[in-house]
Amino acid sequence: MSTESTWTGGESESSDLLPLSSVPNLKWLPRRRRGAKLSYTCLWRWATRGVAGVVLQTVRVGGTPCTTESDLRQFFVEVAAAKRGGKQAQTIRTPARRAREIEAARQQLARVSI
């Protein structure tokens, strides 16, 4: 069974940047319960905390968080694989965790006199 995704929608895969606020208007995204569009809050959560250890790739353009359709599709594929156990999900390294790891490395270097 392949973990690669094949998208057969009428729209071509795009690498154009999309503000997160315009993502719910993409025609190929399925509607939620009772026909509701995907919420911006949900997208923001995917971009900051992620799902199953997978975070939606975004960039900031003038303070506006943006992504691409291809990044969205890759996110969906990776989340599905992580939930199936198909791949090791990345752990999210918070700034506090990074600071602890840096301090531990400095202490280790000090012990060996480097």
PDB file of N, CA and C in Angstrom:
ATOM      1  N   MET A   1       0.837  -1.170   0.000  1.00  0.00           N
ATOM      2  CA  MET A   1       0.000   0.000   0.000  1.00  0.00           C
ATOM      3  C   MET A   1       0.885   1.237   0.000  1.00  0.00           C
ATOM      4  N   SER A   2       0.680   2.112  -0.927  1.00  0.00           N
ATOM      5  CA  SER A   2       1.485   3.310  -1.075  1.00  0.00           C
ATOM      6  C   SER A   2       0.968   4.409  -0.162  1.00  0.00           C
ATOM      7  N   THR A   3       1.906   5.193   0.399  1.00  0.00           N
ATOM      8  CA  THR A   3       1.510   6.330   1.219  1.00  0.00           C
ATOM      9  C   THR A   3       1.482   7.608   0.400  1.00  0.00           C
ATOM     10  N   GLU A   4       1.828   7.537  -0.872  1.00  0.00           N
ATOM     11  CA  GLU A   4       1.782   8.714  -1.719  1.00  0.00           C
ATOM     12  C   GLU A   4       0.335   9.027  -2.068  1.00  0.00           C
ATOM     13  N   SER A   5       0.064  10.301  -2.179  1.00  0.00           N
ATOM     14  CA  SER A   5      -1.289  10.737  -2.468  1.00  0.00           C
ATOM     15  C   SER A   5      -1.429  11.115  -3.935  1.00  0.00           C
ATOM     16  N   THR A   6      -2.549  10.780  -4.529  1.00  0.00           N
ATOM     17  CA  THR A   6      -2.846  11.192  -5.883  1.00  0.00           C
ATOM     18  C   THR A   6      -4.069  12.078  -5.842  1.00  0.00           C
ATOM     19  N   TRP A   7      -3.898  13.322  -6.268  1.00  0.00           N
ATOM     20  CA  TRP A   7      -4.995  14.278  -6.254  1.00  0.00           C
ATOM     21  C   TRP A   7      -5.515  14.408  -7.666  1.00  0.00           C
ATOM     22  N   THR A   8      -6.804  14.176  -7.828  1.00  0.00           N
ATOM     23  CA  THR A   8      -7.389  14.189  -9.158  1.00  0.00           C
ATOM     24  C   THR A   8      -8.375  15.332  -9.336  1.00  0.00           C
ATOM     25  N   GLY A   9      -8.270  16.344  -8.476  1.00  0.00           N
ATOM     26  CA  GLY A   9      -9.171  17.483  -8.583  1.00  0.00           C
ATOM     27  C   GLY A   9      -8.928  18.255  -9.864  1.00  0.00           C
ATOM     28  N   GLY A  10      -9.863  19.116 -10.231  1.00  0.00           N
ATOM     29  CA  GLY A  10      -9.767  19.886 -11.457  1.00  0.00           C
ATOM     30  C   GLY A  10      -8.717  20.975 -11.397  1.00  0.00           C
ATOM     31  N   GLU A  11      -8.325  21.396 -10.200  1.00  0.00           N
ATOM     32  CA  GLU A  11      -7.342  22.453 -10.076  1.00  0.00           C
ATOM     33  C   GLU A  11      -5.950  21.858 -10.031  1.00  0.00           C
ATOM     34  N   SER A  12      -5.005  22.531 -10.644  1.00  0.00           N
ATOM     35  CA  SER A  12      -3.636  22.040 -10.618  1.00  0.00           C
ATOM     36  C   SER A  12      -2.996  22.410  -9.289  1.00  0.00           C
ATOM     37  N   GLU A  13      -2.003  21.622  -8.891  1.00  0.00           N
ATOM     38  CA  GLU A  13      -1.302  21.902  -7.652  1.00  0.00           C
ATOM     39  C   GLU A  13      -0.525  23.196  -7.811  1.00  0.00           C
ATOM     40  N   SER A  14      -0.647  24.073  -6.846  1.00  0.00           N
ATOM     41  CA  SER A  14      -0.069  25.398  -6.960  1.00  0.00           C
ATOM     42  C   SER A  14       0.980  25.625  -5.888  1.00  0.00           C
ATOM     43  N   SER A  15       2.015  26.366  -6.249  1.00  0.00           N
ATOM     44  CA  SER A  15       3.016  26.762  -5.271  1.00  0.00           C
ATOM     45  C   SER A  15       2.875  28.239  -4.933  1.00  0.00           C
ATOM     46  N   ASP A  16       1.775  28.864  -5.364  1.00  0.00           N
ATOM     47  CA  ASP A  16       1.518  30.268  -5.027  1.00  0.00           C
ATOM     48  C   ASP A  16       1.170  30.366  -3.548  1.00  0.00           C
ATOM     49  N   LEU A  17       1.679  31.421  -2.905  1.00  0.00           N
ATOM     50  CA  LEU A  17       1.373  31.624  -1.500  1.00  0.00           C
ATOM     51  C   LEU A  17      -0.075  32.042  -1.319  1.00  0.00           C
ATOM     52  N   LEU A  18      -0.706  31.443  -0.318  1.00  0.00           N
ATOM     53  CA  LEU A  18      -2.092  31.761   0.029  1.00  0.00           C
ATOM     54  C   LEU A  18      -2.127  32.209   1.483  1.00  0.00           C
ATOM     55  N   PRO A  19      -2.746  33.333   1.792  1.00  0.00           N
ATOM     56  CA  PRO A  19      -2.941  33.670   3.199  1.00  0.00           C
ATOM     57  C   PRO A  19      -3.793  32.581   3.866  1.00  0.00           C
ATOM     58  N   LEU A  20      -3.503  32.254   5.108  1.00  0.00           N
ATOM     59  CA  LEU A  20      -4.293  31.224   5.790  1.00  0.00           C
ATOM     60  C   LEU A  20      -5.776  31.578   5.781  1.00  0.00           C
ATOM     61  N   SER A  21      -6.088  32.865   5.797  1.00  0.00           N
ATOM     62  CA  SER A  21      -7.493  33.270   5.808  1.00  0.00           C
ATOM     63  C   SER A  21      -8.227  32.914   4.514  1.00  0.00           C
ATOM     64  N   SER A  22      -7.504  32.690   3.418  1.00  0.00           N
ATOM     65  CA  SER A  22      -8.166  32.340   2.159  1.00  0.00           C
ATOM     66  C   SER A  22      -8.217  30.827   1.924  1.00  0.00           C
ATOM     67  N   VAL A  23      -7.527  30.063   2.737  1.00  0.00           N
ATOM     68  CA  VAL A  23      -7.501  28.608   2.559  1.00  0.00           C
ATOM     69  C   VAL A  23      -8.895  27.982   2.664  1.00  0.00           C
ATOM     70  N   PRO A  24      -9.758  28.407   3.606  1.00  0.00           N
ATOM     71  CA  PRO A  24     -11.091  27.779   3.677  1.00  0.00           C
ATOM     72  C   PRO A  24     -11.906  27.916   2.397  1.00  0.00           C
ATOM     73  N   ASN A  25     -11.559  28.844   1.520  1.00  0.00           N
ATOM     74  CA  ASN A  25     -12.307  29.051   0.276  1.00  0.00           C
ATOM     75  C   ASN A  25     -11.844  28.153  -0.867  1.00  0.00           C
ATOM     76  N   LEU A  26     -10.811  27.340  -0.640  1.00  0.00           N
ATOM     77  CA  LEU A  26     -10.350  26.438  -1.698  1.00  0.00           C
ATOM     78  C   LEU A  26     -11.453  25.435  -2.022  1.00  0.00           C
ATOM     79  N   LYS A  27     -11.745  25.296  -3.296  1.00  0.00           N
ATOM     80  CA  LYS A  27     -12.866  24.447  -3.716  1.00  0.00           C
ATOM     81  C   LYS A  27     -12.610  22.960  -3.468  1.00  0.00           C
ATOM     82  N   TRP A  28     -11.345  22.524  -3.463  1.00  0.00           N
ATOM     83  CA  TRP A  28     -11.070  21.103  -3.311  1.00  0.00           C
ATOM     84  C   TRP A  28     -11.108  20.641  -1.858  1.00  0.00           C
ATOM     85  N   LEU A  29     -11.149  21.575  -0.900  1.00  0.00           N
ATOM     86  CA  LEU A  29     -11.244  21.178   0.505  1.00  0.00           C
ATOM     87  C   LEU A  29     -12.666  20.737   0.822  1.00  0.00           C
ATOM     88  N   PRO A  30     -12.831  19.584   1.441  1.00  0.00           N
ATOM     89  CA  PRO A  30     -14.185  19.140   1.785  1.00  0.00           C
ATOM     90  C   PRO A  30     -14.777  20.025   2.874  1.00  0.00           C
ATOM     91  N   ARG A  31     -16.082  20.139   2.853  1.00  0.00           N
ATOM     92  CA  ARG A  31     -16.795  20.900   3.876  1.00  0.00           C
ATOM     93  C   ARG A  31     -16.824  20.093   5.166  1.00  0.00           C
ATOM     94  N   ARG A  32     -17.011  20.779   6.249  1.00  0.00           N
ATOM     95  CA  ARG A  32     -17.096  20.159   7.563  1.00  0.00           C
ATOM     96  C   ARG A  32     -18.549  19.801   7.873  1.00  0.00           C
ATOM     97  N   ARG A  33     -18.828  19.564   9.133  1.00  0.00           N
ATOM     98  CA  ARG A  33     -20.195  19.238   9.551  1.00  0.00           C
ATOM     99  C   ARG A  33     -21.174  20.324   9.141  1.00  0.00           C
ATOM    100  N   ARG A  34     -22.334  19.910   8.725  1.00  0.00           N
ATOM    101  CA  ARG A  34     -23.418  20.809   8.323  1.00  0.00           C
ATOM    102  C   ARG A  34     -22.997  21.774   7.223  1.00  0.00           C
ATOM    103  N   GLY A  35     -22.036  21.373   6.395  1.00  0.00           N
ATOM    104  CA  GLY A  35     -21.634  22.180   5.255  1.00  0.00           C
ATOM    105  C   GLY A  35     -20.752  23.365   5.576  1.00  0.00           C
ATOM    106  N   ALA A  36     -20.246  23.445   6.802  1.00  0.00           N
ATOM    107  CA  ALA A  36     -19.415  24.582   7.201  1.00  0.00           C
ATOM    108  C   ALA A  36     -18.028  24.483   6.572  1.00  0.00           C
ATOM    109  N   LYS A  37     -17.453  25.653   6.287  1.00  0.00           N
ATOM    110  CA  LYS A  37     -16.086  25.704   5.781  1.00  0.00           C
ATOM    111  C   LYS A  37     -15.116  25.425   6.918  1.00  0.00           C
ATOM    112  N   LEU A  38     -13.927  25.024   6.560  1.00  0.00           N
ATOM    113  CA  LEU A  38     -12.844  24.849   7.519  1.00  0.00           C
ATOM    114  C   LEU A  38     -12.597  26.190   8.201  1.00  0.00           C
ATOM    115  N   SER A  39     -12.411  26.200   9.499  1.00  0.00           N
ATOM    116  CA  SER A  39     -12.257  27.469  10.213  1.00  0.00           C
ATOM    117  C   SER A  39     -10.800  27.928  10.210  1.00  0.00           C
ATOM    118  N   TYR A  40     -10.631  29.242  10.291  1.00  0.00           N
ATOM    119  CA  TYR A  40      -9.296  29.825  10.375  1.00  0.00           C
ATOM    120  C   TYR A  40      -8.594  29.353  11.645  1.00  0.00           C
ATOM    121  N   THR A  41      -9.357  29.211  12.730  1.00  0.00           N
ATOM    122  CA  THR A  41      -8.789  28.759  13.998  1.00  0.00           C
ATOM    123  C   THR A  41      -8.152  27.378  13.852  1.00  0.00           C
ATOM    124  N   CYS A  42      -8.801  26.517  13.110  1.00  0.00           N
ATOM    125  CA  CYS A  42      -8.275  25.174  12.872  1.00  0.00           C
ATOM    126  C   CYS A  42      -6.962  25.255  12.080  1.00  0.00           C
ATOM    127  N   LEU A  43      -6.940  26.079  11.047  1.00  0.00           N
ATOM    128  CA  LEU A  43      -5.718  26.254  10.260  1.00  0.00           C
ATOM    129  C   LEU A  43      -4.589  26.806  11.117  1.00  0.00           C
ATOM    130  N   TRP A  44      -4.908  27.779  11.954  1.00  0.00           N
ATOM    131  CA  TRP A  44      -3.900  28.363  12.834  1.00  0.00           C
ATOM    132  C   TRP A  44      -3.332  27.295  13.778  1.00  0.00           C
ATOM    133  N   ARG A  45      -4.205  26.443  14.294  1.00  0.00           N
ATOM    134  CA  ARG A  45      -3.766  25.356  15.177  1.00  0.00           C
ATOM    135  C   ARG A  45      -2.851  24.400  14.429  1.00  0.00           C
ATOM    136  N   TRP A  46      -3.208  24.052  13.166  1.00  0.00           N
ATOM    137  CA  TRP A  46      -2.359  23.172  12.370  1.00  0.00           C
ATOM    138  C   TRP A  46      -0.989  23.799  12.142  1.00  0.00           C
ATOM    139  N   ALA A  47      -0.955  25.127  11.958  1.00  0.00           N
ATOM    140  CA  ALA A  47       0.300  25.825  11.662  1.00  0.00           C
ATOM    141  C   ALA A  47       1.153  26.058  12.904  1.00  0.00           C
ATOM    142  N   THR A  48       0.551  26.069  14.085  1.00  0.00           N
ATOM    143  CA  THR A  48       1.324  26.343  15.293  1.00  0.00           C
ATOM    144  C   THR A  48       1.588  25.092  16.126  1.00  0.00           C
ATOM    145  N   ARG A  49       0.550  24.331  16.437  1.00  0.00           N
ATOM    146  CA  ARG A  49       0.724  23.129  17.266  1.00  0.00           C
ATOM    147  C   ARG A  49       0.821  21.861  16.448  1.00  0.00           C
ATOM    148  N   GLY A  50       0.151  21.857  15.302  1.00  0.00           N
ATOM    149  CA  GLY A  50       0.176  20.671  14.460  1.00  0.00           C
ATOM    150  C   GLY A  50      -0.835  19.623  14.878  1.00  0.00           C
ATOM    151  N   VAL A  51      -0.807  18.518  14.143  1.00  0.00           N
ATOM    152  CA  VAL A  51      -1.670  17.373  14.393  1.00  0.00           C
ATOM    153  C   VAL A  51      -0.793  16.133  14.323  1.00  0.00           C
ATOM    154  N   ALA A  52      -0.863  15.288  15.318  1.00  0.00           N
ATOM    155  CA  ALA A  52      -0.103  14.028  15.350  1.00  0.00           C
ATOM    156  C   ALA A  52       1.384  14.273  15.123  1.00  0.00           C
ATOM    157  N   GLY A  53       1.894  15.402  15.637  1.00  0.00           N
ATOM    158  CA  GLY A  53       3.312  15.709  15.489  1.00  0.00           C
ATOM    159  C   GLY A  53       3.692  16.334  14.160  1.00  0.00           C
ATOM    160  N   VAL A  54       2.733  16.616  13.312  1.00  0.00           N
ATOM    161  CA  VAL A  54       2.992  17.212  11.999  1.00  0.00           C
ATOM    162  C   VAL A  54       2.443  18.634  12.008  1.00  0.00           C
ATOM    163  N   VAL A  55       3.282  19.599  11.614  1.00  0.00           N
ATOM    164  CA  VAL A  55       2.899  21.005  11.606  1.00  0.00           C
ATOM    165  C   VAL A  55       2.784  21.481  10.162  1.00  0.00           C
ATOM    166  N   LEU A  56       1.731  22.226   9.869  1.00  0.00           N
ATOM    167  CA  LEU A  56       1.547  22.800   8.544  1.00  0.00           C
ATOM    168  C   LEU A  56       2.626  23.841   8.291  1.00  0.00           C
ATOM    169  N   GLN A  57       3.323  23.699   7.192  1.00  0.00           N
ATOM    170  CA  GLN A  57       4.392  24.631   6.844  1.00  0.00           C
ATOM    171  C   GLN A  57       3.790  25.974   6.423  1.00  0.00           C
ATOM    172  N   THR A  58       4.277  27.045   7.043  1.00  0.00           N
ATOM    173  CA  THR A  58       3.818  28.386   6.714  1.00  0.00           C
ATOM    174  C   THR A  58       5.004  29.334   6.664  1.00  0.00           C
ATOM    175  N   VAL A  59       4.796  30.466   6.013  1.00  0.00           N
ATOM    176  CA  VAL A  59       5.751  31.570   6.024  1.00  0.00           C
ATOM    177  C   VAL A  59       4.953  32.832   6.311  1.00  0.00           C
ATOM    178  N   ARG A  60       5.624  33.821   6.851  1.00  0.00           N
ATOM    179  CA  ARG A  60       4.963  35.097   7.109  1.00  0.00           C
ATOM    180  C   ARG A  60       5.373  36.083   6.034  1.00  0.00           C
ATOM    181  N   VAL A  61       4.380  36.700   5.431  1.00  0.00           N
ATOM    182  CA  VAL A  61       4.602  37.729   4.424  1.00  0.00           C
ATOM    183  C   VAL A  61       3.948  38.995   4.950  1.00  0.00           C
ATOM    184  N   GLY A  62       4.769  39.953   5.359  1.00  0.00           N
ATOM    185  CA  GLY A  62       4.218  41.180   5.928  1.00  0.00           C
ATOM    186  C   GLY A  62       3.364  40.932   7.150  1.00  0.00           C
ATOM    187  N   GLY A  63       3.698  39.938   7.943  1.00  0.00           N
ATOM    188  CA  GLY A  63       2.935  39.627   9.144  1.00  0.00           C
ATOM    189  C   GLY A  63       1.757  38.701   8.915  1.00  0.00           C
ATOM    190  N   THR A  64       1.483  38.360   7.662  1.00  0.00           N
ATOM    191  CA  THR A  64       0.352  37.483   7.338  1.00  0.00           C
ATOM    192  C   THR A  64       0.844  36.053   7.166  1.00  0.00           C
ATOM    193  N   PRO A  65       0.333  35.100   7.950  1.00  0.00           N
ATOM    194  CA  PRO A  65       0.748  33.709   7.763  1.00  0.00           C
ATOM    195  C   PRO A  65       0.201  33.169   6.443  1.00  0.00           C
ATOM    196  N   CYS A  66       1.083  32.567   5.652  1.00  0.00           N
ATOM    197  CA  CYS A  66       0.710  32.033   4.340  1.00  0.00           C
ATOM    198  C   CYS A  66       1.209  30.608   4.194  1.00  0.00           C
ATOM    199  N   THR A  67       0.573  29.869   3.317  1.00  0.00           N
ATOM    200  CA  THR A  67       0.982  28.516   2.969  1.00  0.00           C
ATOM    201  C   THR A  67       0.700  28.325   1.489  1.00  0.00           C
ATOM    202  N   THR A  68       0.954  27.126   0.980  1.00  0.00           N
ATOM    203  CA  THR A  68       0.658  26.816  -0.416  1.00  0.00           C
ATOM    204  C   THR A  68      -0.267  25.609  -0.459  1.00  0.00           C
ATOM    205  N   GLU A  69      -0.899  25.415  -1.604  1.00  0.00           N
ATOM    206  CA  GLU A  69      -1.756  24.235  -1.756  1.00  0.00           C
ATOM    207  C   GLU A  69      -0.923  22.966  -1.643  1.00  0.00           C
ATOM    208  N   SER A  70       0.274  22.983  -2.187  1.00  0.00           N
ATOM    209  CA  SER A  70       1.113  21.780  -2.107  1.00  0.00           C
ATOM    210  C   SER A  70       1.523  21.493  -0.667  1.00  0.00           C
ATOM    211  N   ASP A  71       1.771  22.546   0.146  1.00  0.00           N
ATOM    212  CA  ASP A  71       2.080  22.335   1.560  1.00  0.00           C
ATOM    213  C   ASP A  71       0.871  21.759   2.299  1.00  0.00           C
ATOM    214  N   LEU A  72      -0.330  22.219   1.953  1.00  0.00           N
ATOM    215  CA  LEU A  72      -1.542  21.662   2.554  1.00  0.00           C
ATOM    216  C   LEU A  72      -1.676  20.181   2.229  1.00  0.00           C
ATOM    217  N   ARG A  73      -1.493  19.851   0.971  1.00  0.00           N
ATOM    218  CA  ARG A  73      -1.616  18.443   0.558  1.00  0.00           C
ATOM    219  C   ARG A  73      -0.565  17.582   1.254  1.00  0.00           C
ATOM    220  N   GLN A  74       0.664  18.090   1.345  1.00  0.00           N
ATOM    221  CA  GLN A  74       1.726  17.348   2.026  1.00  0.00           C
ATOM    222  C   GLN A  74       1.384  17.177   3.505  1.00  0.00           C
ATOM    223  N   PHE A  75       0.832  18.195   4.115  1.00  0.00           N
ATOM    224  CA  PHE A  75       0.416  18.121   5.512  1.00  0.00           C
ATOM    225  C   PHE A  75      -0.617  17.016   5.710  1.00  0.00           C
ATOM    226  N   PHE A  76      -1.623  16.960   4.834  1.00  0.00           N
ATOM    227  CA  PHE A  76      -2.659  15.930   4.954  1.00  0.00           C
ATOM    228  C   PHE A  76      -2.068  14.527   4.799  1.00  0.00           C
ATOM    229  N   VAL A  77      -1.150  14.352   3.863  1.00  0.00           N
ATOM    230  CA  VAL A  77      -0.511  13.051   3.641  1.00  0.00           C
ATOM    231  C   VAL A  77       0.297  12.650   4.874  1.00  0.00           C
ATOM    232  N   GLU A  78       1.077  13.596   5.427  1.00  0.00           N
ATOM    233  CA  GLU A  78       1.916  13.288   6.585  1.00  0.00           C
ATOM    234  C   GLU A  78       1.078  13.004   7.838  1.00  0.00           C
ATOM    235  N   VAL A  79      -0.009  13.730   8.028  1.00  0.00           N
ATOM    236  CA  VAL A  79      -0.887  13.474   9.178  1.00  0.00           C
ATOM    237  C   VAL A  79      -1.501  12.081   9.062  1.00  0.00           C
ATOM    238  N   ALA A  80      -1.972  11.741   7.869  1.00  0.00           N
ATOM    239  CA  ALA A  80      -2.563  10.414   7.668  1.00  0.00           C
ATOM    240  C   ALA A  80      -1.540   9.320   7.949  1.00  0.00           C
ATOM    241  N   ALA A  81      -0.312   9.509   7.469  1.00  0.00           N
ATOM    242  CA  ALA A  81       0.740   8.513   7.701  1.00  0.00           C
ATOM    243  C   ALA A  81       1.081   8.412   9.186  1.00  0.00           C
ATOM    244  N   ALA A  82       1.164   9.540   9.862  1.00  0.00           N
ATOM    245  CA  ALA A  82       1.485   9.531  11.287  1.00  0.00           C
ATOM    246  C   ALA A  82       0.392   8.845  12.096  1.00  0.00           C
ATOM    247  N   LYS A  83      -0.859   9.083  11.733  1.00  0.00           N
ATOM    248  CA  LYS A  83      -1.963   8.452  12.459  1.00  0.00           C
ATOM    249  C   LYS A  83      -2.051   6.958  12.181  1.00  0.00           C
ATOM    250  N   ARG A  84      -1.601   6.542  10.997  1.00  0.00           N
ATOM    251  CA  ARG A  84      -1.568   5.110  10.678  1.00  0.00           C
ATOM    252  C   ARG A  84      -0.345   4.436  11.287  1.00  0.00           C
ATOM    253  N   GLY A  85       0.585   5.226  11.774  1.00  0.00           N
ATOM    254  CA  GLY A  85       1.818   4.663  12.296  1.00  0.00           C
ATOM    255  C   GLY A  85       2.816   4.405  11.192  1.00  0.00           C
ATOM    256  N   GLY A  86       2.590   4.981  10.021  1.00  0.00           N
ATOM    257  CA  GLY A  86       3.448   4.763   8.863  1.00  0.00           C
ATOM    258  C   GLY A  86       4.783   5.447   8.947  1.00  0.00           C
ATOM    259  N   LYS A  87       4.883   6.481   9.776  1.00  0.00           N
ATOM    260  CA  LYS A  87       6.157   7.155   9.940  1.00  0.00           C
ATOM    261  C   LYS A  87       6.235   7.727  11.327  1.00  0.00           C
ATOM    262  N   GLN A  88       7.443   7.948  11.765  1.00  0.00           N
ATOM    263  CA  GLN A  88       7.670   8.559  13.063  1.00  0.00           C
ATOM    264  C   GLN A  88       7.309  10.037  12.958  1.00  0.00           C
ATOM    265  N   ALA A  89       6.379  10.470  13.752  1.00  0.00           N
ATOM    266  CA  ALA A  89       5.997  11.876  13.736  1.00  0.00           C
ATOM    267  C   ALA A  89       7.095  12.709  14.383  1.00  0.00           C
ATOM    268  N   GLN A  90       7.357  13.879  13.815  1.00  0.00           N
ATOM    269  CA  GLN A  90       8.352  14.764  14.383  1.00  0.00           C
ATOM    270  C   GLN A  90       7.828  15.329  15.689  1.00  0.00           C
ATOM    271  N   THR A  91       8.736  15.465  16.647  1.00  0.00           N
ATOM    272  CA  THR A  91       8.342  16.122  17.877  1.00  0.00           C
ATOM    273  C   THR A  91       8.561  17.613  17.698  1.00  0.00           C
ATOM    274  N   ILE A  92       7.696  18.382  18.290  1.00  0.00           N
ATOM    275  CA  ILE A  92       7.800  19.834  18.191  1.00  0.00           C
ATOM    276  C   ILE A  92       8.748  20.314  19.274  1.00  0.00           C
ATOM    277  N   ARG A  93       9.776  21.050  18.863  1.00  0.00           N
ATOM    278  CA  ARG A  93      10.759  21.552  19.814  1.00  0.00           C
ATOM    279  C   ARG A  93      10.408  22.990  20.160  1.00  0.00           C
ATOM    280  N   THR A  94       9.959  23.186  21.390  1.00  0.00           N
ATOM    281  CA  THR A  94       9.576  24.513  21.845  1.00  0.00           C
ATOM    282  C   THR A  94      10.833  25.328  22.154  1.00  0.00           C
ATOM    283  N   PRO A  95      10.723  26.655  22.225  1.00  0.00           N
ATOM    284  CA  PRO A  95      11.884  27.476  22.589  1.00  0.00           C
ATOM    285  C   PRO A  95      12.464  27.095  23.956  1.00  0.00           C
ATOM    286  N   ALA A  96      11.595  26.755  24.903  1.00  0.00           N
ATOM    287  CA  ALA A  96      12.085  26.360  26.226  1.00  0.00           C
ATOM    288  C   ALA A  96      12.879  25.055  26.148  1.00  0.00           C
ATOM    289  N   ARG A  97      12.383  24.104  25.360  1.00  0.00           N
ATOM    290  CA  ARG A  97      13.096  22.834  25.206  1.00  0.00           C
ATOM    291  C   ARG A  97      14.433  23.061  24.514  1.00  0.00           C
ATOM    292  N   ARG A  98      14.444  23.919  23.485  1.00  0.00           N
ATOM    293  CA  ARG A  98      15.679  24.231  22.779  1.00  0.00           C
ATOM    294  C   ARG A  98      16.698  24.842  23.743  1.00  0.00           C
ATOM    295  N   ALA A  99      16.252  25.758  24.607  1.00  0.00           N
ATOM    296  CA  ALA A  99      17.144  26.391  25.579  1.00  0.00           C
ATOM    297  C   ALA A  99      17.728  25.355  26.536  1.00  0.00           C
ATOM    298  N   ARG A 100      16.903  24.410  26.990  1.00  0.00           N
ATOM    299  CA  ARG A 100      17.404  23.345  27.875  1.00  0.00           C
ATOM    300  C   ARG A 100      18.433  22.479  27.164  1.00  0.00           C
ATOM    301  N   GLU A 101      18.178  22.148  25.895  1.00  0.00           N
ATOM    302  CA  GLU A 101      19.125  21.331  25.136  1.00  0.00           C
ATOM    303  C   GLU A 101      20.445  22.065  24.909  1.00  0.00           C
ATOM    304  N   ILE A 102      20.375  23.367  24.660  1.00  0.00           N
ATOM    305  CA  ILE A 102      21.599  24.157  24.490  1.00  0.00           C
ATOM    306  C   ILE A 102      22.393  24.185  25.782  1.00  0.00           C
ATOM    307  N   GLU A 103      21.703  24.409  26.897  1.00  0.00           N
ATOM    308  CA  GLU A 103      22.384  24.438  28.189  1.00  0.00           C
ATOM    309  C   GLU A 103      23.011  23.084  28.522  1.00  0.00           C
ATOM    310  N   ALA A 104      22.319  22.009  28.233  1.00  0.00           N
ATOM    311  CA  ALA A 104      22.876  20.672  28.477  1.00  0.00           C
ATOM    312  C   ALA A 104      24.115  20.440  27.611  1.00  0.00           C
ATOM    313  N   ALA A 105      24.090  20.894  26.366  1.00  0.00           N
ATOM    314  CA  ALA A 105      25.255  20.743  25.486  1.00  0.00           C
ATOM    315  C   ALA A 105      26.426  21.568  26.007  1.00  0.00           C
ATOM    316  N   ARG A 106      26.154  22.794  26.482  1.00  0.00           N
ATOM    317  CA  ARG A 106      27.226  23.635  27.037  1.00  0.00           C
ATOM    318  C   ARG A 106      27.858  22.971  28.259  1.00  0.00           C
ATOM    319  N   GLN A 107      27.022  22.400  29.123  1.00  0.00           N
ATOM    320  CA  GLN A 107      27.551  21.729  30.311  1.00  0.00           C
ATOM    321  C   GLN A 107      28.395  20.520  29.930  1.00  0.00           C
ATOM    322  N   GLN A 108      27.945  19.778  28.923  1.00  0.00           N
ATOM    323  CA  GLN A 108      28.711  18.618  28.466  1.00  0.00           C
ATOM    324  C   GLN A 108      30.049  19.057  27.881  1.00  0.00           C
ATOM    325  N   LEU A 109      30.066  20.132  27.112  1.00  0.00           N
ATOM    326  CA  LEU A 109      31.314  20.651  26.561  1.00  0.00           C
ATOM    327  C   LEU A 109      32.241  21.153  27.672  1.00  0.00           C
ATOM    328  N   ALA A 110      31.683  21.760  28.704  1.00  0.00           N
ATOM    329  CA  ALA A 110      32.489  22.248  29.823  1.00  0.00           C
ATOM    330  C   ALA A 110      33.121  21.076  30.573  1.00  0.00           C
ATOM    331  N   ARG A 111      32.407  19.965  30.697  1.00  0.00           N
ATOM    332  CA  ARG A 111      32.947  18.791  31.385  1.00  0.00           C
ATOM    333  C   ARG A 111      34.147  18.205  30.662  1.00  0.00           C
ATOM    334  N   VAL A 112      34.137  18.267  29.342  1.00  0.00           N
ATOM    335  CA  VAL A 112      35.269  17.709  28.575  1.00  0.00           C
ATOM    336  C   VAL A 112      36.285  18.803  28.202  1.00  0.00           C
ATOM    337  N   SER A 113      36.103  19.983  28.784  1.00  0.00           N
ATOM    338  CA  SER A 113      37.028  21.114  28.616  1.00  0.00           C
ATOM    339  C   SER A 113      37.177  21.562  27.165  1.00  0.00           C
ATOM    340  N   ILE A 114      36.105  21.760  26.502  1.00  0.00           N
ATOM    341  CA  ILE A 114      36.163  22.280  25.128  1.00  0.00           C
ATOM    342  C   ILE A 114      35.697  23.702  25.133  1.00  0.00           C
TER     343      ILE A 114
END
